[in-house]
Amino acid sequence: MFGRILLSVEASEGSRRAAELAVSLAEREGAHLIALNVVDPSVVDRLSRLTGRRHSEVEAEAEEDGWKYLYHVEGMAVEREVRVSLRQEKGLPEDVLLRQARELKVDLMILGLPGQRSGARRLIGLSLERVLYESPCPVLVVR
């Protein structure tokens, strides 16, 4: 049923749970798991202004952290003999997710909800709503 699964990977408890579910589902279905981390330029800009650090430094750190999360998912997948691809892109997460879902012709997209303490819940809600309405495939949201 699911040949290609797109997993959004980020630093949240919901994302960790989503990864566990995605790997398990990919194993059961014999699916190809595509793990995607998106570095959001607006978040990088905000962190740079708030911390007084150079934009390039904050961006490099965000990319490095993203690869750590991706490699963690890769380790989980390899352990269960799931075929996995890793991707990292810059852009608005909802734009990148929707484009990748279309281009890769995925059968399912899996997202984790951010924690309750997120200060950007309204923005996240609007972004999630857009993904849900515009996705070319079913979307599974994990709490």
C-alpha atoms as a PDB file:
ATOM      1  CA  MET A   1       0.000   0.000   0.000  1.00  0.00           C
ATOM      2  CA  PHE A   2       2.772   2.442   0.904  1.00  0.00           C
ATOM      3  CA  GLY A   3       5.809   2.195  -1.349  1.00  0.00           C
ATOM      4  CA  ARG A   4       7.361   5.579  -0.494  1.00  0.00           C
ATOM      5  CA  ILE A   5       7.010   7.306   2.880  1.00  0.00           C
ATOM      6  CA  LEU A   6       8.181  10.887   3.464  1.00  0.00           C
ATOM      7  CA  LEU A   7       9.115  11.625   7.083  1.00  0.00           C
ATOM      8  CA  SER A   8       9.656  15.158   8.349  1.00  0.00           C
ATOM      9  CA  VAL A   9      12.566  15.086  10.821  1.00  0.00           C
ATOM     10  CA  GLU A  10      13.206  17.814  13.393  1.00  0.00           C
ATOM     11  CA  ALA A  11      14.082  18.377  17.049  1.00  0.00           C
ATOM     12  CA  SER A  12      10.864  17.564  18.862  1.00  0.00           C
ATOM     13  CA  GLU A  13       9.383  14.733  20.853  1.00  0.00           C
ATOM     14  CA  GLY A  14       6.596  14.428  18.286  1.00  0.00           C
ATOM     15  CA  SER A  15       9.183  14.057  15.530  1.00  0.00           C
ATOM     16  CA  ARG A  16      10.956  11.296  17.471  1.00  0.00           C
ATOM     17  CA  ARG A  17       7.685   9.390  17.869  1.00  0.00           C
ATOM     18  CA  ALA A  18       6.872   9.989  14.196  1.00  0.00           C
ATOM     19  CA  ALA A  19      10.262   8.535  13.226  1.00  0.00           C
ATOM     20  CA  GLU A  20       9.663   5.398  15.286  1.00  0.00           C
ATOM     21  CA  LEU A  21       6.270   4.914  13.671  1.00  0.00           C
ATOM     22  CA  ALA A  22       7.599   5.653  10.167  1.00  0.00           C
ATOM     23  CA  VAL A  23      10.408   3.110  10.472  1.00  0.00           C
ATOM     24  CA  SER A  24       8.014   0.494  11.823  1.00  0.00           C
ATOM     25  CA  LEU A  25       5.483   1.143   9.066  1.00  0.00           C
ATOM     26  CA  ALA A  26       8.170   1.141   6.353  1.00  0.00           C
ATOM     27  CA  GLU A  27       9.465  -2.168   7.683  1.00  0.00           C
ATOM     28  CA  ARG A  28       5.993  -3.714   7.658  1.00  0.00           C
ATOM     29  CA  GLU A  29       5.144  -2.382   4.191  1.00  0.00           C
ATOM     30  CA  GLY A  30       8.579  -2.952   2.638  1.00  0.00           C
ATOM     31  CA  ALA A  31       8.530   0.774   1.831  1.00  0.00           C
ATOM     32  CA  HIS A  32      11.317   3.189   0.994  1.00  0.00           C
ATOM     33  CA  LEU A  33      11.583   5.756   3.809  1.00  0.00           C
ATOM     34  CA  ILE A  34      12.657   9.267   2.822  1.00  0.00           C
ATOM     35  CA  ALA A  35      13.704  11.306   5.863  1.00  0.00           C
ATOM     36  CA  LEU A  36      13.685  15.071   5.297  1.00  0.00           C
ATOM     37  CA  ASN A  37      14.977  17.866   7.506  1.00  0.00           C
ATOM     38  CA  VAL A  38      14.136  21.438   6.550  1.00  0.00           C
ATOM     39  CA  VAL A  39      16.260  24.371   7.676  1.00  0.00           C
ATOM     40  CA  ASP A  40      13.857  27.314   7.890  1.00  0.00           C
ATOM     41  CA  PRO A  41      15.620  30.610   7.007  1.00  0.00           C
ATOM     42  CA  SER A  42      13.145  32.636   9.086  1.00  0.00           C
ATOM     43  CA  VAL A  43      14.047  30.614  12.186  1.00  0.00           C
ATOM     44  CA  VAL A  44      17.752  31.056  11.444  1.00  0.00           C
ATOM     45  CA  ASP A  45      17.235  34.831  11.058  1.00  0.00           C
ATOM     46  CA  ARG A  46      15.281  35.037  14.313  1.00  0.00           C
ATOM     47  CA  LEU A  47      17.886  33.030  16.253  1.00  0.00           C
ATOM     48  CA  SER A  48      20.692  35.129  14.806  1.00  0.00           C
ATOM     49  CA  ARG A  49      19.004  38.366  15.920  1.00  0.00           C
ATOM     50  CA  LEU A  50      18.111  37.028  19.373  1.00  0.00           C
ATOM     51  CA  THR A  51      21.540  35.601  20.120  1.00  0.00           C
ATOM     52  CA  GLY A  52      23.669  38.212  18.352  1.00  0.00           C
ATOM     53  CA  ARG A  53      25.492  35.441  16.493  1.00  0.00           C
ATOM     54  CA  ARG A  54      26.369  35.609  12.803  1.00  0.00           C
ATOM     55  CA  HIS A  55      23.703  34.321  10.443  1.00  0.00           C
ATOM     56  CA  SER A  56      26.138  31.899   8.802  1.00  0.00           C
ATOM     57  CA  GLU A  57      27.096  30.460  12.199  1.00  0.00           C
ATOM     58  CA  VAL A  58      23.484  29.872  13.234  1.00  0.00           C
ATOM     59  CA  GLU A  59      22.646  28.380   9.840  1.00  0.00           C
ATOM     60  CA  ALA A  60      25.624  25.999   9.966  1.00  0.00           C
ATOM     61  CA  GLU A  61      24.588  24.877  13.447  1.00  0.00           C
ATOM     62  CA  ALA A  62      20.985  24.289  12.310  1.00  0.00           C
ATOM     63  CA  GLU A  63      22.205  22.225   9.357  1.00  0.00           C
ATOM     64  CA  GLU A  64      24.553  20.210  11.556  1.00  0.00           C
ATOM     65  CA  ASP A  65      21.784  19.521  14.073  1.00  0.00           C
ATOM     66  CA  GLY A  66      19.467  18.512  11.224  1.00  0.00           C
ATOM     67  CA  TRP A  67      21.976  15.965   9.966  1.00  0.00           C
ATOM     68  CA  LYS A  68      22.291  14.525  13.492  1.00  0.00           C
ATOM     69  CA  TYR A  69      18.519  13.932  13.563  1.00  0.00           C
ATOM     70  CA  LEU A  70      18.624  12.449  10.058  1.00  0.00           C
ATOM     71  CA  TYR A  71      21.494  10.098  10.947  1.00  0.00           C
ATOM     72  CA  HIS A  72      19.567   8.970  14.014  1.00  0.00           C
ATOM     73  CA  VAL A  73      16.610   8.022  11.799  1.00  0.00           C
ATOM     74  CA  GLU A  74      18.989   6.312   9.383  1.00  0.00           C
ATOM     75  CA  GLY A  75      20.384   4.219  12.231  1.00  0.00           C
ATOM     76  CA  MET A  76      16.890   3.166  13.286  1.00  0.00           C
ATOM     77  CA  ALA A  77      16.019   2.234   9.700  1.00  0.00           C
ATOM     78  CA  VAL A  78      19.230   0.315   8.979  1.00  0.00           C
ATOM     79  CA  GLU A  79      18.800  -1.643  12.216  1.00  0.00           C
ATOM     80  CA  ARG A  80      15.410  -2.846  10.933  1.00  0.00           C
ATOM     81  CA  GLU A  81      16.633  -3.324   7.354  1.00  0.00           C
ATOM     82  CA  VAL A  82      14.477  -0.500   5.992  1.00  0.00           C
ATOM     83  CA  ARG A  83      15.644   1.214   2.821  1.00  0.00           C
ATOM     84  CA  VAL A  84      16.177   4.877   3.720  1.00  0.00           C
ATOM     85  CA  SER A  85      17.234   8.094   1.983  1.00  0.00           C
ATOM     86  CA  LEU A  86      18.248  11.275   3.785  1.00  0.00           C
ATOM     87  CA  ARG A  87      17.590  14.807   2.545  1.00  0.00           C
ATOM     88  CA  GLN A  88      18.111  18.277   3.929  1.00  0.00           C
ATOM     89  CA  GLU A  89      16.795  21.435   2.298  1.00  0.00           C
ATOM     90  CA  LYS A  90      16.435  25.115   3.106  1.00  0.00           C
ATOM     91  CA  GLY A  91      13.082  26.855   2.878  1.00  0.00           C
ATOM     92  CA  LEU A  92       9.684  27.135   4.473  1.00  0.00           C
ATOM     93  CA  PRO A  93       8.925  23.666   5.832  1.00  0.00           C
ATOM     94  CA  GLU A  94       5.434  23.477   4.341  1.00  0.00           C
ATOM     95  CA  ASP A  95       6.715  24.521   0.890  1.00  0.00           C
ATOM     96  CA  VAL A  96       9.549  21.997   0.952  1.00  0.00           C
ATOM     97  CA  LEU A  97       7.372  19.156   2.268  1.00  0.00           C
ATOM     98  CA  LEU A  98       4.674  19.705  -0.344  1.00  0.00           C
ATOM     99  CA  ARG A  99       7.189  20.015  -3.194  1.00  0.00           C
ATOM    100  CA  GLN A 100       9.082  16.908  -2.113  1.00  0.00           C
ATOM    101  CA  ALA A 101       5.865  14.911  -1.717  1.00  0.00           C
ATOM    102  CA  ARG A 102       4.904  15.795  -5.290  1.00  0.00           C
ATOM    103  CA  GLU A 103       8.335  15.363  -6.870  1.00  0.00           C
ATOM    104  CA  LEU A 104       9.061  12.067  -5.129  1.00  0.00           C
ATOM    105  CA  LYS A 105       5.510  10.767  -5.654  1.00  0.00           C
ATOM    106  CA  VAL A 106       5.249   9.591  -2.062  1.00  0.00           C
ATOM    107  CA  ASP A 107       2.327   7.509  -0.866  1.00  0.00           C
ATOM    108  CA  LEU A 108       2.304   8.831   2.707  1.00  0.00           C
ATOM    109  CA  MET A 109       3.735  11.798   4.605  1.00  0.00           C
ATOM    110  CA  ILE A 110       4.415  11.473   8.340  1.00  0.00           C
ATOM    111  CA  LEU A 111       4.854  14.529  10.572  1.00  0.00           C
ATOM    112  CA  GLY A 112       5.367  14.913  14.302  1.00  0.00           C
ATOM    113  CA  LEU A 113       3.590  17.628  16.243  1.00  0.00           C
ATOM    114  CA  PRO A 114       5.916  19.961  18.145  1.00  0.00           C
ATOM    115  CA  GLY A 115       5.714  20.033  21.929  1.00  0.00           C
ATOM    116  CA  GLN A 116       3.197  22.010  23.958  1.00  0.00           C
ATOM    117  CA  ARG A 117       5.814  24.628  24.857  1.00  0.00           C
ATOM    118  CA  SER A 118       6.257  25.832  21.301  1.00  0.00           C
ATOM    119  CA  GLY A 119       5.931  29.607  21.115  1.00  0.00           C
ATOM    120  CA  ALA A 120       4.937  29.453  17.465  1.00  0.00           C
ATOM    121  CA  ARG A 121       1.873  27.206  17.832  1.00  0.00           C
ATOM    122  CA  ARG A 122      -0.379  29.467  15.771  1.00  0.00           C
ATOM    123  CA  LEU A 123       2.124  29.571  12.912  1.00  0.00           C
ATOM    124  CA  ILE A 124       2.695  25.831  13.175  1.00  0.00           C
ATOM    125  CA  GLY A 125      -1.062  25.298  13.045  1.00  0.00           C
ATOM    126  CA  LEU A 126      -1.380  27.350   9.867  1.00  0.00           C
ATOM    127  CA  SER A 127       1.573  25.546   8.269  1.00  0.00           C
ATOM    128  CA  LEU A 128       0.171  22.150   9.230  1.00  0.00           C
ATOM    129  CA  GLU A 129      -3.247  23.100   7.914  1.00  0.00           C
ATOM    130  CA  ARG A 130      -1.707  24.043   4.568  1.00  0.00           C
ATOM    131  CA  VAL A 131       0.156  20.721   4.352  1.00  0.00           C
ATOM    132  CA  LEU A 132      -3.013  18.804   5.208  1.00  0.00           C
ATOM    133  CA  TYR A 133      -5.088  20.566   2.551  1.00  0.00           C
ATOM    134  CA  GLU A 134      -2.502  20.696  -0.238  1.00  0.00           C
ATOM    135  CA  SER A 135      -0.737  17.368   0.181  1.00  0.00           C
ATOM    136  CA  PRO A 136      -0.936  15.049  -2.825  1.00  0.00           C
ATOM    137  CA  CYS A 137      -0.970  12.048  -0.460  1.00  0.00           C
ATOM    138  CA  PRO A 138      -2.362  11.069   2.953  1.00  0.00           C
ATOM    139  CA  VAL A 139      -0.706  12.801   5.906  1.00  0.00           C
ATOM    140  CA  LEU A 140      -0.232  11.096   9.269  1.00  0.00           C
ATOM    141  CA  VAL A 141       0.337  13.496  12.174  1.00  0.00           C
ATOM    142  CA  VAL A 142       1.902  11.964  15.292  1.00  0.00           C
ATOM    143  CA  ARG A 143       1.458  13.521  18.741  1.00  0.00           C
END
